[in-house]
PDB file of N, CA and C in Angstrom:
ATOM      1  N   MET A   1       0.796  -1.276   0.025  1.00  0.00           N
ATOM      2  CA  MET A   1      -0.040  -0.023  -0.018  1.00  0.00           C
ATOM      3  C   MET A   1       0.808   1.306   0.052  1.00  0.00           C
ATOM      4  N   LEU A   2       1.956   1.193   0.809  1.00  0.00           N
ATOM      5  CA  LEU A   2       2.796   2.396   0.785  1.00  0.00           C
ATOM      6  C   LEU A   2       3.454   2.645  -0.460  1.00  0.00           C
ATOM      7  N   GLN A   3       3.863   1.577  -1.240  1.00  0.00           N
ATOM      8  CA  GLN A   3       4.431   1.782  -2.576  1.00  0.00           C
ATOM      9  C   GLN A   3       3.466   2.306  -3.454  1.00  0.00           C
ATOM     10  N   THR A   4       2.220   1.880  -3.410  1.00  0.00           N
ATOM     11  CA  THR A   4       1.149   2.407  -4.303  1.00  0.00           C
ATOM     12  C   THR A   4       0.955   3.882  -4.027  1.00  0.00           C
ATOM     13  N   ARG A   5       0.925   4.257  -2.750  1.00  0.00           N
ATOM     14  CA  ARG A   5       0.740   5.682  -2.401  1.00  0.00           C
ATOM     15  C   ARG A   5       1.899   6.522  -2.951  1.00  0.00           C
ATOM     16  N   HIS A   6       3.063   6.058  -2.823  1.00  0.00           N
ATOM     17  CA  HIS A   6       4.300   6.646  -3.323  1.00  0.00           C
ATOM     18  C   HIS A   6       4.222   6.895  -4.716  1.00  0.00           C
ATOM     19  N   LEU A   7       3.799   5.949  -5.490  1.00  0.00           N
ATOM     20  CA  LEU A   7       3.678   6.002  -7.029  1.00  0.00           C
ATOM     21  C   LEU A   7       2.580   7.012  -7.358  1.00  0.00           C
ATOM     22  N   ALA A   8       1.494   6.983  -6.671  1.00  0.00           N
ATOM     23  CA  ALA A   8       0.378   7.928  -6.922  1.00  0.00           C
ATOM     24  C   ALA A   8       0.900   9.334  -6.682  1.00  0.00           C
ATOM     25  N   THR A   9       1.673   9.510  -5.557  1.00  0.00           N
ATOM     26  CA  THR A   9       2.171  10.865  -5.254  1.00  0.00           C
ATOM     27  C   THR A   9       3.263  11.280  -6.340  1.00  0.00           C
ATOM     28  N   ALA A  10       4.058  10.337  -6.818  1.00  0.00           N
ATOM     29  CA  ALA A  10       5.016  10.618  -7.883  1.00  0.00           C
ATOM     30  C   ALA A  10       4.323  11.014  -9.149  1.00  0.00           C
ATOM     31  N   ASP A  11       3.251  10.364  -9.500  1.00  0.00           N
ATOM     32  CA  ASP A  11       2.519  10.754 -10.714  1.00  0.00           C
ATOM     33  C   ASP A  11       1.914  12.122 -10.566  1.00  0.00           C
ATOM     34  N   LEU A  12       1.283  12.378  -9.368  1.00  0.00           N
ATOM     35  CA  LEU A  12       0.744  13.755  -9.142  1.00  0.00           C
ATOM     36  C   LEU A  12       1.798  14.808  -9.248  1.00  0.00           C
ATOM     37  N   ALA A  13       2.940  14.530  -8.645  1.00  0.00           N
ATOM     38  CA  ALA A  13       4.040  15.556  -8.752  1.00  0.00           C
ATOM     39  C   ALA A  13       4.506  15.724 -10.133  1.00  0.00           C
ATOM     40  N   ALA A  14       4.643  14.622 -10.950  1.00  0.00           N
ATOM     41  CA  ALA A  14       5.159  14.734 -12.295  1.00  0.00           C
ATOM     42  C   ALA A  14       4.036  15.520 -13.121  1.00  0.00           C
ATOM     43  N   ASN A  15       2.742  15.336 -12.944  1.00  0.00           N
ATOM     44  CA  ASN A  15       1.725  16.021 -13.607  1.00  0.00           C
ATOM     45  C   ASN A  15       1.718  17.537 -13.284  1.00  0.00           C
ATOM     46  N   THR A  16       1.900  17.820 -11.962  1.00  0.00           N
ATOM     47  CA  THR A  16       1.990  19.176 -11.550  1.00  0.00           C
ATOM     48  C   THR A  16       3.217  19.911 -12.164  1.00  0.00           C
ATOM     49  N   VAL A  17       4.322  19.209 -12.135  1.00  0.00           N
ATOM     50  CA  VAL A  17       5.500  19.871 -12.796  1.00  0.00           C
ATOM     51  C   VAL A  17       5.205  20.082 -14.243  1.00  0.00           C
ATOM     52  N   LYS A  18       4.581  19.106 -14.969  1.00  0.00           N
ATOM     53  CA  LYS A  18       4.347  19.322 -16.460  1.00  0.00           C
ATOM     54  C   LYS A  18       3.442  20.549 -16.624  1.00  0.00           C
ATOM     55  N   GLN A  19       2.434  20.708 -15.709  1.00  0.00           N
ATOM     56  CA  GLN A  19       1.564  21.895 -15.822  1.00  0.00           C
ATOM     57  C   GLN A  19       2.278  23.086 -15.525  1.00  0.00           C
ATOM     58  N   MET A  20       3.141  23.120 -14.556  1.00  0.00           N
ATOM     59  CA  MET A  20       3.925  24.321 -14.264  1.00  0.00           C
ATOM     60  C   MET A  20       4.894  24.691 -15.459  1.00  0.00           C
ATOM     61  N   LEU A  21       5.589  23.751 -16.018  1.00  0.00           N
ATOM     62  CA  LEU A  21       6.380  23.936 -17.138  1.00  0.00           C
ATOM     63  C   LEU A  21       5.590  24.573 -18.334  1.00  0.00           C
ATOM     64  N   TYR A  22       4.455  23.995 -18.587  1.00  0.00           N
ATOM     65  CA  TYR A  22       3.536  24.446 -19.733  1.00  0.00           C
ATOM     66  C   TYR A  22       3.078  25.914 -19.346  1.00  0.00           C
ATOM     67  N   GLY A  23       2.774  26.151 -18.189  1.00  0.00           N
ATOM     68  CA  GLY A  23       2.313  27.516 -17.746  1.00  0.00           C
ATOM     69  C   GLY A  23       3.424  28.571 -17.867  1.00  0.00           C
ATOM     70  N   PHE A  24       4.666  28.053 -17.735  1.00  0.00           N
ATOM     71  CA  PHE A  24       5.804  29.069 -17.895  1.00  0.00           C
ATOM     72  C   PHE A  24       6.323  29.029 -19.349  1.00  0.00           C
ATOM     73  N   GLY A  25       5.599  28.378 -20.292  1.00  0.00           N
ATOM     74  CA  GLY A  25       5.986  28.530 -21.697  1.00  0.00           C
ATOM     75  C   GLY A  25       6.616  27.366 -22.448  1.00  0.00           C
ATOM     76  N   ASP A  26       6.699  26.227 -21.700  1.00  0.00           N
ATOM     77  CA  ASP A  26       7.253  25.039 -22.346  1.00  0.00           C
ATOM     78  C   ASP A  26       6.146  24.407 -23.136  1.00  0.00           C
ATOM     79  N   VAL A  27       6.536  23.305 -23.869  1.00  0.00           N
ATOM     80  CA  VAL A  27       5.515  22.632 -24.615  1.00  0.00           C
ATOM     81  C   VAL A  27       4.629  21.762 -23.765  1.00  0.00           C
ATOM     82  N   ILE A  28       3.488  21.384 -24.305  1.00  0.00           N
ATOM     83  CA  ILE A  28       2.435  20.797 -23.515  1.00  0.00           C
ATOM     84  C   ILE A  28       2.858  19.466 -22.865  1.00  0.00           C
ATOM     85  N   ASN A  29       3.692  18.702 -23.642  1.00  0.00           N
ATOM     86  CA  ASN A  29       4.292  17.368 -23.185  1.00  0.00           C
ATOM     87  C   ASN A  29       5.808  17.571 -23.105  1.00  0.00           C
ATOM     88  N   PRO A  30       6.406  18.049 -22.083  1.00  0.00           N
ATOM     89  CA  PRO A  30       7.810  18.267 -21.939  1.00  0.00           C
ATOM     90  C   PRO A  30       8.570  16.875 -21.791  1.00  0.00           C
ATOM     91  N   ALA A  31       9.902  16.889 -22.203  1.00  0.00           N
ATOM     92  CA  ALA A  31      10.594  15.635 -22.050  1.00  0.00           C
ATOM     93  C   ALA A  31      10.623  15.128 -20.757  1.00  0.00           C
ATOM     94  N   PRO A  32      10.593  13.809 -20.591  1.00  0.00           N
ATOM     95  CA  PRO A  32      10.503  13.145 -19.202  1.00  0.00           C
ATOM     96  C   PRO A  32      11.779  13.517 -18.426  1.00  0.00           C
ATOM     97  N   ASP A  33      12.934  13.739 -19.030  1.00  0.00           N
ATOM     98  CA  ASP A  33      14.154  14.109 -18.362  1.00  0.00           C
ATOM     99  C   ASP A  33      14.004  15.498 -17.723  1.00  0.00           C
ATOM    100  N   THR A  34      13.348  16.374 -18.448  1.00  0.00           N
ATOM    101  CA  THR A  34      13.114  17.728 -17.948  1.00  0.00           C
ATOM    102  C   THR A  34      12.230  17.711 -16.769  1.00  0.00           C
ATOM    103  N   VAL A  35      11.137  16.911 -16.855  1.00  0.00           N
ATOM    104  CA  VAL A  35      10.192  16.778 -15.745  1.00  0.00           C
ATOM    105  C   VAL A  35      10.832  16.261 -14.522  1.00  0.00           C
ATOM    106  N   ASP A  36      11.708  15.192 -14.677  1.00  0.00           N
ATOM    107  CA  ASP A  36      12.386  14.594 -13.554  1.00  0.00           C
ATOM    108  C   ASP A  36      13.372  15.596 -12.923  1.00  0.00           C
ATOM    109  N   LEU A  37      14.119  16.315 -13.711  1.00  0.00           N
ATOM    110  CA  LEU A  37      15.049  17.282 -13.179  1.00  0.00           C
ATOM    111  C   LEU A  37      14.291  18.453 -12.459  1.00  0.00           C
ATOM    112  N   MET A  38      13.278  18.932 -13.009  1.00  0.00           N
ATOM    113  CA  MET A  38      12.583  19.937 -12.285  1.00  0.00           C
ATOM    114  C   MET A  38      11.929  19.487 -10.994  1.00  0.00           C
ATOM    115  N   ASP A  39      11.389  18.260 -11.013  1.00  0.00           N
ATOM    116  CA  ASP A  39      10.848  17.653  -9.874  1.00  0.00           C
ATOM    117  C   ASP A  39      11.887  17.527  -8.749  1.00  0.00           C
ATOM    118  N   GLU A  40      13.093  17.059  -9.180  1.00  0.00           N
ATOM    119  CA  GLU A  40      14.216  16.867  -8.253  1.00  0.00           C
ATOM    120  C   GLU A  40      14.543  18.218  -7.618  1.00  0.00           C
ATOM    121  N   MET A  41      14.636  19.266  -8.411  1.00  0.00           N
ATOM    122  CA  MET A  41      14.980  20.617  -8.007  1.00  0.00           C
ATOM    123  C   MET A  41      13.943  21.145  -7.044  1.00  0.00           C
ATOM    124  N   LEU A  42      12.743  20.955  -7.367  1.00  0.00           N
ATOM    125  CA  LEU A  42      11.580  21.411  -6.522  1.00  0.00           C
ATOM    126  C   LEU A  42      11.665  20.853  -5.171  1.00  0.00           C
ATOM    127  N   GLN A  43      11.811  19.460  -5.189  1.00  0.00           N
ATOM    128  CA  GLN A  43      11.872  18.713  -3.918  1.00  0.00           C
ATOM    129  C   GLN A  43      12.991  19.243  -3.089  1.00  0.00           C
ATOM    130  N   GLU A  44      14.211  19.379  -3.699  1.00  0.00           N
ATOM    131  CA  GLU A  44      15.307  19.912  -2.937  1.00  0.00           C
ATOM    132  C   GLU A  44      15.048  21.236  -2.358  1.00  0.00           C
ATOM    133  N   PHE A  45      14.506  22.126  -3.142  1.00  0.00           N
ATOM    134  CA  PHE A  45      14.121  23.473  -2.673  1.00  0.00           C
ATOM    135  C   PHE A  45      13.230  23.434  -1.450  1.00  0.00           C
ATOM    136  N   ILE A  46      12.155  22.631  -1.525  1.00  0.00           N
ATOM    137  CA  ILE A  46      11.152  22.525  -0.530  1.00  0.00           C
ATOM    138  C   ILE A  46      11.716  21.906   0.810  1.00  0.00           C
ATOM    139  N   VAL A  47      12.580  20.880   0.640  1.00  0.00           N
ATOM    140  CA  VAL A  47      13.235  20.281   1.758  1.00  0.00           C
ATOM    141  C   VAL A  47      14.166  21.338   2.381  1.00  0.00           C
ATOM    142  N   ASP A  48      14.973  22.037   1.674  1.00  0.00           N
ATOM    143  CA  ASP A  48      15.890  22.984   2.210  1.00  0.00           C
ATOM    144  C   ASP A  48      15.124  24.158   2.918  1.00  0.00           C
ATOM    145  N   LEU A  49      14.043  24.596   2.289  1.00  0.00           N
ATOM    146  CA  LEU A  49      13.261  25.671   2.886  1.00  0.00           C
ATOM    147  C   LEU A  49      12.659  25.165   4.192  1.00  0.00           C
ATOM    148  N   CYS A  50      12.175  23.999   4.230  1.00  0.00           N
ATOM    149  CA  CYS A  50      11.527  23.465   5.475  1.00  0.00           C
ATOM    150  C   CYS A  50      12.558  23.275   6.542  1.00  0.00           C
ATOM    151  N   LEU A  51      13.716  22.822   6.220  1.00  0.00           N
ATOM    152  CA  LEU A  51      14.876  22.620   7.201  1.00  0.00           C
ATOM    153  C   LEU A  51      15.296  24.000   7.779  1.00  0.00           C
ATOM    154  N   GLU A  52      15.329  24.919   6.862  1.00  0.00           N
ATOM    155  CA  GLU A  52      15.710  26.362   7.295  1.00  0.00           C
ATOM    156  C   GLU A  52      14.639  26.968   8.146  1.00  0.00           C
ATOM    157  N   ALA A  53      13.338  26.672   7.840  1.00  0.00           N
ATOM    158  CA  ALA A  53      12.296  27.211   8.726  1.00  0.00           C
ATOM    159  C   ALA A  53      12.278  26.452  10.076  1.00  0.00           C
ATOM    160  N   MET A  54      12.661  25.195  10.079  1.00  0.00           N
ATOM    161  CA  MET A  54      12.669  24.458  11.315  1.00  0.00           C
ATOM    162  C   MET A  54      13.752  24.990  12.296  1.00  0.00           C
ATOM    163  N   LYS A  55      14.736  25.597  11.781  1.00  0.00           N
ATOM    164  CA  LYS A  55      15.847  26.218  12.600  1.00  0.00           C
ATOM    165  C   LYS A  55      15.263  27.339  13.527  1.00  0.00           C
ATOM    166  N   SER A  56      14.346  28.038  12.946  1.00  0.00           N
ATOM    167  CA  SER A  56      13.806  29.308  13.637  1.00  0.00           C
ATOM    168  C   SER A  56      12.576  28.979  14.433  1.00  0.00           C
ATOM    169  N   SER A  57      12.141  27.655  14.429  1.00  0.00           N
ATOM    170  CA  SER A  57      10.909  27.373  15.147  1.00  0.00           C
ATOM    171  C   SER A  57      11.230  26.717  16.529  1.00  0.00           C
ATOM    172  N   ASN A  58      10.305  26.790  17.417  1.00  0.00           N
ATOM    173  CA  ASN A  58      10.436  26.148  18.646  1.00  0.00           C
ATOM    174  C   ASN A  58       9.941  24.786  18.550  1.00  0.00           C
ATOM    175  N   ASN A  59       8.650  24.534  18.312  1.00  0.00           N
ATOM    176  CA  ASN A  59       8.139  23.207  18.376  1.00  0.00           C
ATOM    177  C   ASN A  59       7.560  22.895  16.919  1.00  0.00           C
ATOM    178  N   LYS A  60       6.629  23.733  16.511  1.00  0.00           N
ATOM    179  CA  LYS A  60       5.971  23.581  15.198  1.00  0.00           C
ATOM    180  C   LYS A  60       6.436  24.639  14.265  1.00  0.00           C
ATOM    181  N   VAL A  61       6.475  24.276  13.022  1.00  0.00           N
ATOM    182  CA  VAL A  61       6.821  25.260  11.974  1.00  0.00           C
ATOM    183  C   VAL A  61       5.636  26.029  11.631  1.00  0.00           C
ATOM    184  N   LEU A  62       5.727  27.259  11.794  1.00  0.00           N
ATOM    185  CA  LEU A  62       4.618  28.198  11.421  1.00  0.00           C
ATOM    186  C   LEU A  62       4.870  28.969  10.156  1.00  0.00           C
ATOM    187  N   LEU A  63       3.875  29.676   9.624  1.00  0.00           N
ATOM    188  CA  LEU A  63       4.036  30.482   8.437  1.00  0.00           C
ATOM    189  C   LEU A  63       5.100  31.490   8.600  1.00  0.00           C
ATOM    190  N   ASN A  64       5.259  32.162   9.715  1.00  0.00           N
ATOM    191  CA  ASN A  64       6.304  33.103  10.020  1.00  0.00           C
ATOM    192  C   ASN A  64       7.629  32.528   9.867  1.00  0.00           C
ATOM    193  N   ASP A  65       7.820  31.267  10.253  1.00  0.00           N
ATOM    194  CA  ASP A  65       9.062  30.601  10.100  1.00  0.00           C
ATOM    195  C   ASP A  65       9.529  30.485   8.694  1.00  0.00           C
ATOM    196  N   PHE A  66       8.663  30.279   7.807  1.00  0.00           N
ATOM    197  CA  PHE A  66       8.925  30.183   6.313  1.00  0.00           C
ATOM    198  C   PHE A  66       9.267  31.586   5.869  1.00  0.00           C
ATOM    199  N   LEU A  67       8.617  32.629   6.211  1.00  0.00           N
ATOM    200  CA  LEU A  67       9.006  33.941   5.804  1.00  0.00           C
ATOM    201  C   LEU A  67      10.339  34.304   6.425  1.00  0.00           C
ATOM    202  N   PHE A  68      10.626  33.860   7.575  1.00  0.00           N
ATOM    203  CA  PHE A  68      11.931  34.147   8.129  1.00  0.00           C
ATOM    204  C   PHE A  68      13.010  33.365   7.245  1.00  0.00           C
ATOM    205  N   ALA A  69      12.732  32.213   6.890  1.00  0.00           N
ATOM    206  CA  ALA A  69      13.681  31.485   6.095  1.00  0.00           C
ATOM    207  C   ALA A  69      13.942  32.155   4.689  1.00  0.00           C
ATOM    208  N   LEU A  70      12.902  32.814   4.234  1.00  0.00           N
ATOM    209  CA  LEU A  70      13.027  33.503   2.891  1.00  0.00           C
ATOM    210  C   LEU A  70      13.575  34.863   2.929  1.00  0.00           C
ATOM    211  N   ARG A  71      13.940  35.386   4.165  1.00  0.00           N
ATOM    212  CA  ARG A  71      14.273  36.748   4.300  1.00  0.00           C
ATOM    213  C   ARG A  71      15.504  37.171   3.469  1.00  0.00           C
ATOM    214  N   HIS A  72      16.355  36.281   3.152  1.00  0.00           N
ATOM    215  CA  HIS A  72      17.551  36.595   2.444  1.00  0.00           C
ATOM    216  C   HIS A  72      17.391  36.650   0.886  1.00  0.00           C
ATOM    217  N   ASP A  73      16.246  36.264   0.476  1.00  0.00           N
ATOM    218  CA  ASP A  73      15.885  36.220  -0.998  1.00  0.00           C
ATOM    219  C   ASP A  73      14.732  37.240  -1.174  1.00  0.00           C
ATOM    220  N   PRO A  74      15.081  38.510  -1.571  1.00  0.00           N
ATOM    221  CA  PRO A  74      14.069  39.539  -1.627  1.00  0.00           C
ATOM    222  C   PRO A  74      12.867  39.244  -2.641  1.00  0.00           C
ATOM    223  N   LYS A  75      13.187  38.490  -3.760  1.00  0.00           N
ATOM    224  CA  LYS A  75      12.097  38.181  -4.714  1.00  0.00           C
ATOM    225  C   LYS A  75      11.134  37.213  -4.112  1.00  0.00           C
ATOM    226  N   LYS A  76      11.612  36.119  -3.569  1.00  0.00           N
ATOM    227  CA  LYS A  76      10.836  35.107  -2.974  1.00  0.00           C
ATOM    228  C   LYS A  76      10.068  35.643  -1.822  1.00  0.00           C
ATOM    229  N   TYR A  77      10.742  36.451  -0.955  1.00  0.00           N
ATOM    230  CA  TYR A  77      10.053  36.998   0.208  1.00  0.00           C
ATOM    231  C   TYR A  77       8.919  37.941  -0.198  1.00  0.00           C
ATOM    232  N   ALA A  78       9.158  38.752  -1.214  1.00  0.00           N
ATOM    233  CA  ALA A  78       8.081  39.675  -1.686  1.00  0.00           C
ATOM    234  C   ALA A  78       7.020  38.858  -2.365  1.00  0.00           C
ATOM    235  N   ARG A  79       7.296  37.872  -3.064  1.00  0.00           N
ATOM    236  CA  ARG A  79       6.224  37.013  -3.680  1.00  0.00           C
ATOM    237  C   ARG A  79       5.404  36.282  -2.618  1.00  0.00           C
ATOM    238  N   ALA A  80       6.049  35.738  -1.555  1.00  0.00           N
ATOM    239  CA  ALA A  80       5.320  35.106  -0.450  1.00  0.00           C
ATOM    240  C   ALA A  80       4.370  36.138   0.161  1.00  0.00           C
ATOM    241  N   HIS A  81       4.846  37.331   0.433  1.00  0.00           N
ATOM    242  CA  HIS A  81       3.954  38.304   1.049  1.00  0.00           C
ATOM    243  C   HIS A  81       2.817  38.717   0.101  1.00  0.00           C
ATOM    244  N   GLU A  82       3.112  38.749  -1.168  1.00  0.00           N
ATOM    245  CA  GLU A  82       1.986  39.039  -2.110  1.00  0.00           C
ATOM    246  C   GLU A  82       0.955  37.942  -2.153  1.00  0.00           C
ATOM    247  N   LEU A  83       1.411  36.727  -2.104  1.00  0.00           N
ATOM    248  CA  LEU A  83       0.435  35.530  -2.141  1.00  0.00           C
ATOM    249  C   LEU A  83      -0.358  35.482  -0.762  1.00  0.00           C
ATOM    250  N   LEU A  84       0.316  35.857   0.302  1.00  0.00           N
ATOM    251  CA  LEU A  84      -0.425  35.839   1.559  1.00  0.00           C
ATOM    252  C   LEU A  84      -1.524  36.988   1.557  1.00  0.00           C
ATOM    253  N   GLU A  85      -1.194  38.176   1.043  1.00  0.00           N
ATOM    254  CA  GLU A  85      -2.158  39.257   1.024  1.00  0.00           C
ATOM    255  C   GLU A  85      -3.260  38.880   0.056  1.00  0.00           C
ATOM    256  N   MET A  86      -2.922  38.190  -1.003  1.00  0.00           N
ATOM    257  CA  MET A  86      -4.015  37.843  -1.937  1.00  0.00           C
ATOM    258  C   MET A  86      -4.929  36.720  -1.291  1.00  0.00           C
ATOM    259  N   ALA A  87      -4.403  35.842  -0.500  1.00  0.00           N
ATOM    260  CA  ALA A  87      -5.150  34.848   0.145  1.00  0.00           C
ATOM    261  C   ALA A  87      -6.052  35.465   1.189  1.00  0.00           C
ATOM    262  N   LYS A  88      -5.618  36.528   1.894  1.00  0.00           N
ATOM    263  CA  LYS A  88      -6.468  37.306   2.899  1.00  0.00           C
ATOM    264  C   LYS A  88      -7.628  37.994   2.143  1.00  0.00           C
ATOM    265  N   LYS A  89      -7.256  38.577   1.008  1.00  0.00           N
ATOM    266  CA  LYS A  89      -8.284  39.282   0.167  1.00  0.00           C
ATOM    267  C   LYS A  89      -9.403  38.267  -0.223  1.00  0.00           C
ATOM    268  N   ILE A  90      -8.956  37.125  -0.772  1.00  0.00           N
ATOM    269  CA  ILE A  90      -9.934  36.210  -1.265  1.00  0.00           C
ATOM    270  C   ILE A  90     -10.758  35.635  -0.131  1.00  0.00           C
ATOM    271  N   ALA A  91     -10.258  35.382   0.968  1.00  0.00           N
ATOM    272  CA  ALA A  91     -10.962  34.923   2.149  1.00  0.00           C
ATOM    273  C   ALA A  91     -11.969  35.974   2.568  1.00  0.00           C
ATOM    274  N   ARG A  92     -11.533  37.220   2.628  1.00  0.00           N
ATOM    275  CA  ARG A  92     -12.450  38.317   2.990  1.00  0.00           C
ATOM    276  C   ARG A  92     -13.575  38.459   1.915  1.00  0.00           C
ATOM    277  N   ASP A  93     -13.290  38.372   0.703  1.00  0.00           N
ATOM    278  CA  ASP A  93     -14.292  38.438  -0.366  1.00  0.00           C
ATOM    279  C   ASP A  93     -15.210  37.257  -0.276  1.00  0.00           C
ATOM    280  N   LYS A  94     -14.785  36.103   0.058  1.00  0.00           N
ATOM    281  CA  LYS A  94     -15.676  35.000   0.185  1.00  0.00           C
ATOM    282  C   LYS A  94     -16.653  35.188   1.334  1.00  0.00           C
ATOM    283  N   ARG A  95     -16.102  35.702   2.492  1.00  0.00           N
ATOM    284  CA  ARG A  95     -17.029  35.943   3.609  1.00  0.00           C
ATOM    285  C   ARG A  95     -18.092  37.011   3.173  1.00  0.00           C
ATOM    286  N   ILE A  96     -17.686  37.964   2.472  1.00  0.00           N
ATOM    287  CA  ILE A  96     -18.612  39.064   1.995  1.00  0.00           C
ATOM    288  C   ILE A  96     -19.687  38.421   1.131  1.00  0.00           C
ATOM    289  N   MET A  97     -19.205  37.581   0.171  1.00  0.00           N
ATOM    290  CA  MET A  97     -20.124  36.885  -0.782  1.00  0.00           C
ATOM    291  C   MET A  97     -21.124  35.950   0.019  1.00  0.00           C
ATOM    292  N   ASP A  98     -20.658  35.260   1.007  1.00  0.00           N
ATOM    293  CA  ASP A  98     -21.539  34.445   1.805  1.00  0.00           C
ATOM    294  C   ASP A  98     -22.550  35.213   2.565  1.00  0.00           C
ATOM    295  N   ILE A  99     -22.110  36.442   3.115  1.00  0.00           N
ATOM    296  CA  ILE A  99     -23.079  37.232   3.746  1.00  0.00           C
ATOM    297  C   ILE A  99     -24.099  37.835   2.800  1.00  0.00           C
ATOM    298  N   GLU A 100     -23.639  38.199   1.601  1.00  0.00           N
ATOM    299  CA  GLU A 100     -24.678  38.761   0.611  1.00  0.00           C
ATOM    300  C   GLU A 100     -25.672  37.644   0.196  1.00  0.00           C
ATOM    301  N   ASP A 101     -25.107  36.363   0.040  1.00  0.00           N
ATOM    302  CA  ASP A 101     -25.949  35.318  -0.329  1.00  0.00           C
ATOM    303  C   ASP A 101     -26.997  35.009   0.789  1.00  0.00           C
ATOM    304  N   LEU A 102     -26.562  35.066   2.026  1.00  0.00           N
ATOM    305  CA  LEU A 102     -27.435  34.894   3.137  1.00  0.00           C
ATOM    306  C   LEU A 102     -28.528  35.808   3.182  1.00  0.00           C
ATOM    307  N   VAL A 103     -28.211  37.091   2.990  1.00  0.00           N
ATOM    308  CA  VAL A 103     -29.173  38.178   2.971  1.00  0.00           C
ATOM    309  C   VAL A 103     -30.216  38.001   1.837  1.00  0.00           C
ATOM    310  N   ALA A 104     -29.667  37.673   0.654  1.00  0.00           N
ATOM    311  CA  ALA A 104     -30.508  37.478  -0.512  1.00  0.00           C
ATOM    312  C   ALA A 104     -31.499  36.298  -0.297  1.00  0.00           C
ATOM    313  N   ASN A 105     -31.037  35.319   0.355  1.00  0.00           N
ATOM    314  CA  ASN A 105     -31.875  34.075   0.642  1.00  0.00           C
ATOM    315  C   ASN A 105     -32.929  34.459   1.621  1.00  0.00           C
ATOM    316  N   GLU A 106     -32.518  35.311   2.682  1.00  0.00           N
ATOM    317  CA  GLU A 106     -33.548  35.743   3.627  1.00  0.00           C
ATOM    318  C   GLU A 106     -34.651  36.598   3.053  1.00  0.00           C
ATOM    319  N   LYS A 107     -34.288  37.461   2.136  1.00  0.00           N
ATOM    320  CA  LYS A 107     -35.262  38.253   1.464  1.00  0.00           C
ATOM    321  C   LYS A 107     -36.175  37.460   0.594  1.00  0.00           C
ATOM    322  N   ALA A 108     -35.554  36.441  -0.059  1.00  0.00           N
ATOM    323  CA  ALA A 108     -36.436  35.538  -0.961  1.00  0.00           C
ATOM    324  C   ALA A 108     -37.395  34.758  -0.101  1.00  0.00           C
ATOM    325  N   LEU A 109     -37.073  34.454   1.120  1.00  0.00           N
ATOM    326  CA  LEU A 109     -37.998  33.720   1.955  1.00  0.00           C
ATOM    327  C   LEU A 109     -39.100  34.567   2.535  1.00  0.00           C
ATOM    328  N   GLU A 110     -38.874  35.921   2.627  1.00  0.00           N
ATOM    329  CA  GLU A 110     -39.927  36.814   3.116  1.00  0.00           C
ATOM    330  C   GLU A 110     -41.238  36.952   2.227  1.00  0.00           C
TER     331      GLU A 110
END
């Protein structure tokens, strides 16, 4: 079962890397060597980032620990902040939409 789960995860990672490559301008079906290399590089980056974040954490790794780990790379740090702000705006807008839907449903019931 563990081997099956690992293969499914590897397939998912390969498909995600293919989609990322295509999104950044590569062909729709990139060479398998390219996908493997990018997958290896991404895994290495994620592991290194997690290890760096763990250095600044006490017990659990929190979001701020990742930001602290990215502090020496201005582009990545700025992009992380941008994505966090965007996530906050999306969450706020979803709450507003939910409230508007609730009000519209109450008016329809009257």
